[in-house]
Amino acid sequence: MIESGLWIILLEAAIALGLLGFIVWWTVPKKKKESPEDSKDGSHGS
């Protein structure tokens, strides 16, 4: 298998998937923790 060159393609695919996963994780908006002052204030919204 090592001499066939398939391992290079598999390695490249694994790196590409890892990079894709990292980019998605990095760009997903983080949820802010709501502070108690925000939750008790009833002036959110209209």
PDB file of N, CA and C in Angstrom:
ATOM      1  N   MET A   1       0.830  -1.200   0.000  1.00  0.00           N
ATOM      2  CA  MET A   1       0.000   0.000   0.000  1.00  0.00           C
ATOM      3  C   MET A   1       0.866   1.253   0.000  1.00  0.00           C
ATOM      4  N   ILE A   2       1.969   1.219   0.699  1.00  0.00           N
ATOM      5  CA  ILE A   2       2.832   2.401   0.765  1.00  0.00           C
ATOM      6  C   ILE A   2       3.420   2.696  -0.610  1.00  0.00           C
ATOM      7  N   GLU A   3       3.776   1.678  -1.350  1.00  0.00           N
ATOM      8  CA  GLU A   3       4.393   1.889  -2.652  1.00  0.00           C
ATOM      9  C   GLU A   3       3.386   2.279  -3.722  1.00  0.00           C
ATOM     10  N   SER A   4       2.109   2.079  -3.472  1.00  0.00           N
ATOM     11  CA  SER A   4       1.112   2.378  -4.490  1.00  0.00           C
ATOM     12  C   SER A   4       0.827   3.870  -4.603  1.00  0.00           C
ATOM     13  N   GLY A   5       1.167   4.656  -3.596  1.00  0.00           N
ATOM     14  CA  GLY A   5       0.899   6.088  -3.632  1.00  0.00           C
ATOM     15  C   GLY A   5      -0.473   6.448  -3.113  1.00  0.00           C
ATOM     16  N   LEU A   6      -1.254   5.453  -2.749  1.00  0.00           N
ATOM     17  CA  LEU A   6      -2.593   5.714  -2.233  1.00  0.00           C
ATOM     18  C   LEU A   6      -2.539   6.430  -0.889  1.00  0.00           C
ATOM     19  N   TRP A   7      -1.492   6.162  -0.106  1.00  0.00           N
ATOM     20  CA  TRP A   7      -1.384   6.784   1.202  1.00  0.00           C
ATOM     21  C   TRP A   7      -1.268   8.299   1.097  1.00  0.00           C
ATOM     22  N   ILE A   8      -0.679   8.794   0.037  1.00  0.00           N
ATOM     23  CA  ILE A   8      -0.570  10.247  -0.142  1.00  0.00           C
ATOM     24  C   ILE A   8      -1.953  10.850  -0.364  1.00  0.00           C
ATOM     25  N   ILE A   9      -2.765  10.180  -1.151  1.00  0.00           N
ATOM     26  CA  ILE A   9      -4.121  10.669  -1.415  1.00  0.00           C
ATOM     27  C   ILE A   9      -4.947  10.624  -0.130  1.00  0.00           C
ATOM     28  N   LEU A  10      -4.831   9.534   0.637  1.00  0.00           N
ATOM     29  CA  LEU A  10      -5.559   9.430   1.902  1.00  0.00           C
ATOM     30  C   LEU A  10      -5.090  10.478   2.904  1.00  0.00           C
ATOM     31  N   LEU A  11      -3.795  10.725   2.968  1.00  0.00           N
ATOM     32  CA  LEU A  11      -3.261  11.743   3.863  1.00  0.00           C
ATOM     33  C   LEU A  11      -3.763  13.123   3.470  1.00  0.00           C
ATOM     34  N   GLU A  12      -3.770  13.399   2.179  1.00  0.00           N
ATOM     35  CA  GLU A  12      -4.247  14.684   1.689  1.00  0.00           C
ATOM     36  C   GLU A  12      -5.739  14.871   1.988  1.00  0.00           C
ATOM     37  N   ALA A  13      -6.524  13.824   1.831  1.00  0.00           N
ATOM     38  CA  ALA A  13      -7.954  13.893   2.138  1.00  0.00           C
ATOM     39  C   ALA A  13      -8.181  14.117   3.625  1.00  0.00           C
ATOM     40  N   ALA A  14      -7.397  13.458   4.468  1.00  0.00           N
ATOM     41  CA  ALA A  14      -7.535  13.631   5.915  1.00  0.00           C
ATOM     42  C   ALA A  14      -7.167  15.056   6.328  1.00  0.00           C
ATOM     43  N   ILE A  15      -6.129  15.605   5.748  1.00  0.00           N
ATOM     44  CA  ILE A  15      -5.731  16.980   6.058  1.00  0.00           C
ATOM     45  C   ILE A  15      -6.802  17.954   5.583  1.00  0.00           C
ATOM     46  N   ALA A  16      -7.361  17.723   4.401  1.00  0.00           N
ATOM     47  CA  ALA A  16      -8.405  18.606   3.880  1.00  0.00           C
ATOM     48  C   ALA A  16      -9.643  18.568   4.771  1.00  0.00           C
ATOM     49  N   LEU A  17     -10.044  17.385   5.225  1.00  0.00           N
ATOM     50  CA  LEU A  17     -11.208  17.283   6.117  1.00  0.00           C
ATOM     51  C   LEU A  17     -10.935  17.948   7.462  1.00  0.00           C
ATOM     52  N   GLY A  18      -9.734  17.764   7.966  1.00  0.00           N
ATOM     53  CA  GLY A  18      -9.372  18.412   9.220  1.00  0.00           C
ATOM     54  C   GLY A  18      -9.378  19.927   9.096  1.00  0.00           C
ATOM     55  N   LEU A  19      -8.852  20.430   7.993  1.00  0.00           N
ATOM     56  CA  LEU A  19      -8.844  21.874   7.757  1.00  0.00           C
ATOM     57  C   LEU A  19     -10.258  22.407   7.598  1.00  0.00           C
ATOM     58  N   LEU A  20     -11.106  21.675   6.902  1.00  0.00           N
ATOM     59  CA  LEU A  20     -12.498  22.083   6.746  1.00  0.00           C
ATOM     60  C   LEU A  20     -13.202  22.136   8.109  1.00  0.00           C
ATOM     61  N   GLY A  21     -13.000  21.121   8.911  1.00  0.00           N
ATOM     62  CA  GLY A  21     -13.597  21.106  10.240  1.00  0.00           C
ATOM     63  C   GLY A  21     -13.105  22.263  11.100  1.00  0.00           C
ATOM     64  N   PHE A  22     -11.811  22.566  11.026  1.00  0.00           N
ATOM     65  CA  PHE A  22     -11.262  23.678  11.795  1.00  0.00           C
ATOM     66  C   PHE A  22     -11.846  25.005  11.338  1.00  0.00           C
ATOM     67  N   ILE A  23     -11.989  25.209  10.037  1.00  0.00           N
ATOM     68  CA  ILE A  23     -12.552  26.460   9.514  1.00  0.00           C
ATOM     69  C   ILE A  23     -14.001  26.613   9.953  1.00  0.00           C
ATOM     70  N   VAL A  24     -14.771  25.536   9.893  1.00  0.00           N
ATOM     71  CA  VAL A  24     -16.168  25.599  10.326  1.00  0.00           C
ATOM     72  C   VAL A  24     -16.241  25.916  11.818  1.00  0.00           C
ATOM     73  N   TRP A  25     -15.411  25.248  12.631  1.00  0.00           N
ATOM     74  CA  TRP A  25     -15.412  25.488  14.077  1.00  0.00           C
ATOM     75  C   TRP A  25     -15.011  26.931  14.383  1.00  0.00           C
ATOM     76  N   TRP A  26     -14.049  27.463  13.647  1.00  0.00           N
ATOM     77  CA  TRP A  26     -13.537  28.808  13.894  1.00  0.00           C
ATOM     78  C   TRP A  26     -14.567  29.875  13.521  1.00  0.00           C
ATOM     79  N   THR A  27     -15.380  29.608  12.492  1.00  0.00           N
ATOM     80  CA  THR A  27     -16.295  30.634  11.992  1.00  0.00           C
ATOM     81  C   THR A  27     -17.703  30.546  12.573  1.00  0.00           C
ATOM     82  N   VAL A  28     -18.029  29.480  13.299  1.00  0.00           N
ATOM     83  CA  VAL A  28     -19.354  29.378  13.916  1.00  0.00           C
ATOM     84  C   VAL A  28     -19.452  30.422  15.020  1.00  0.00           C
ATOM     85  N   PRO A  29     -20.518  31.213  15.032  1.00  0.00           N
ATOM     86  CA  PRO A  29     -20.650  32.234  16.077  1.00  0.00           C
ATOM     87  C   PRO A  29     -20.735  31.609  17.464  1.00  0.00           C
ATOM     88  N   LYS A  30     -20.007  32.186  18.383  1.00  0.00           N
ATOM     89  CA  LYS A  30     -20.013  31.689  19.757  1.00  0.00           C
ATOM     90  C   LYS A  30     -21.224  32.250  20.492  1.00  0.00           C
ATOM     91  N   LYS A  31     -21.835  31.430  21.339  1.00  0.00           N
ATOM     92  CA  LYS A  31     -22.966  31.895  22.146  1.00  0.00           C
ATOM     93  C   LYS A  31     -22.413  32.668  23.335  1.00  0.00           C
ATOM     94  N   LYS A  32     -22.971  33.841  23.562  1.00  0.00           N
ATOM     95  CA  LYS A  32     -22.567  34.626  24.720  1.00  0.00           C
ATOM     96  C   LYS A  32     -23.333  34.131  25.943  1.00  0.00           C
ATOM     97  N   LYS A  33     -22.649  34.090  27.063  1.00  0.00           N
ATOM     98  CA  LYS A  33     -23.332  33.748  28.309  1.00  0.00           C
ATOM     99  C   LYS A  33     -24.126  34.958  28.751  1.00  0.00           C
ATOM    100  N   GLU A  34     -25.396  34.739  29.001  1.00  0.00           N
ATOM    101  CA  GLU A  34     -26.266  35.851  29.390  1.00  0.00           C
ATOM    102  C   GLU A  34     -26.040  36.162  30.859  1.00  0.00           C
ATOM    103  N   SER A  35     -25.713  37.406  31.147  1.00  0.00           N
ATOM    104  CA  SER A  35     -25.474  37.797  32.534  1.00  0.00           C
ATOM    105  C   SER A  35     -26.806  37.945  33.263  1.00  0.00           C
ATOM    106  N   PRO A  36     -26.800  37.816  34.584  1.00  0.00           N
ATOM    107  CA  PRO A  36     -28.046  37.954  35.356  1.00  0.00           C
ATOM    108  C   PRO A  36     -28.689  39.332  35.189  1.00  0.00           C
ATOM    109  N   GLU A  37     -27.865  40.366  34.981  1.00  0.00           N
ATOM    110  CA  GLU A  37     -28.437  41.701  34.785  1.00  0.00           C
ATOM    111  C   GLU A  37     -29.274  41.756  33.515  1.00  0.00           C
ATOM    112  N   ASP A  38     -28.833  41.057  32.464  1.00  0.00           N
ATOM    113  CA  ASP A  38     -29.568  41.051  31.202  1.00  0.00           C
ATOM    114  C   ASP A  38     -30.881  40.278  31.318  1.00  0.00           C
ATOM    115  N   SER A  39     -30.863  39.175  32.048  1.00  0.00           N
ATOM    116  CA  SER A  39     -32.055  38.330  32.113  1.00  0.00           C
ATOM    117  C   SER A  39     -33.148  38.948  32.983  1.00  0.00           C
ATOM    118  N   LYS A  40     -32.786  39.729  34.002  1.00  0.00           N
ATOM    119  CA  LYS A  40     -33.818  40.315  34.854  1.00  0.00           C
ATOM    120  C   LYS A  40     -34.390  41.611  34.262  1.00  0.00           C
ATOM    121  N   ASP A  41     -33.681  42.171  33.298  1.00  0.00           N
ATOM    122  CA  ASP A  41     -34.159  43.395  32.653  1.00  0.00           C
ATOM    123  C   ASP A  41     -35.194  43.018  31.605  1.00  0.00           C
ATOM    124  N   GLY A  42     -36.392  43.546  31.725  1.00  0.00           N
ATOM    125  CA  GLY A  42     -37.471  43.178  30.819  1.00  0.00           C
ATOM    126  C   GLY A  42     -37.563  44.049  29.589  1.00  0.00           C
ATOM    127  N   SER A  43     -36.546  44.851  29.305  1.00  0.00           N
ATOM    128  CA  SER A  43     -36.636  45.787  28.182  1.00  0.00           C
ATOM    129  C   SER A  43     -36.057  45.219  26.896  1.00  0.00           C
ATOM    130  N   HIS A  44     -35.888  43.899  26.787  1.00  0.00           N
ATOM    131  CA  HIS A  44     -35.415  43.289  25.533  1.00  0.00           C
ATOM    132  C   HIS A  44     -36.577  43.147  24.576  1.00  0.00           C
ATOM    133  N   GLY A  45     -36.431  43.685  23.388  1.00  0.00           N
ATOM    134  CA  GLY A  45     -37.496  43.555  22.393  1.00  0.00           C
ATOM    135  C   GLY A  45     -38.469  44.707  22.434  1.00  0.00           C
ATOM    136  N   SER A  46     -39.592  44.561  21.718  1.00  0.00           N
ATOM    137  CA  SER A  46     -40.532  45.689  21.594  1.00  0.00           C
ATOM    138  C   SER A  46     -41.748  45.579  22.433  1.00  0.00           C
TER     139      SER A  46
END
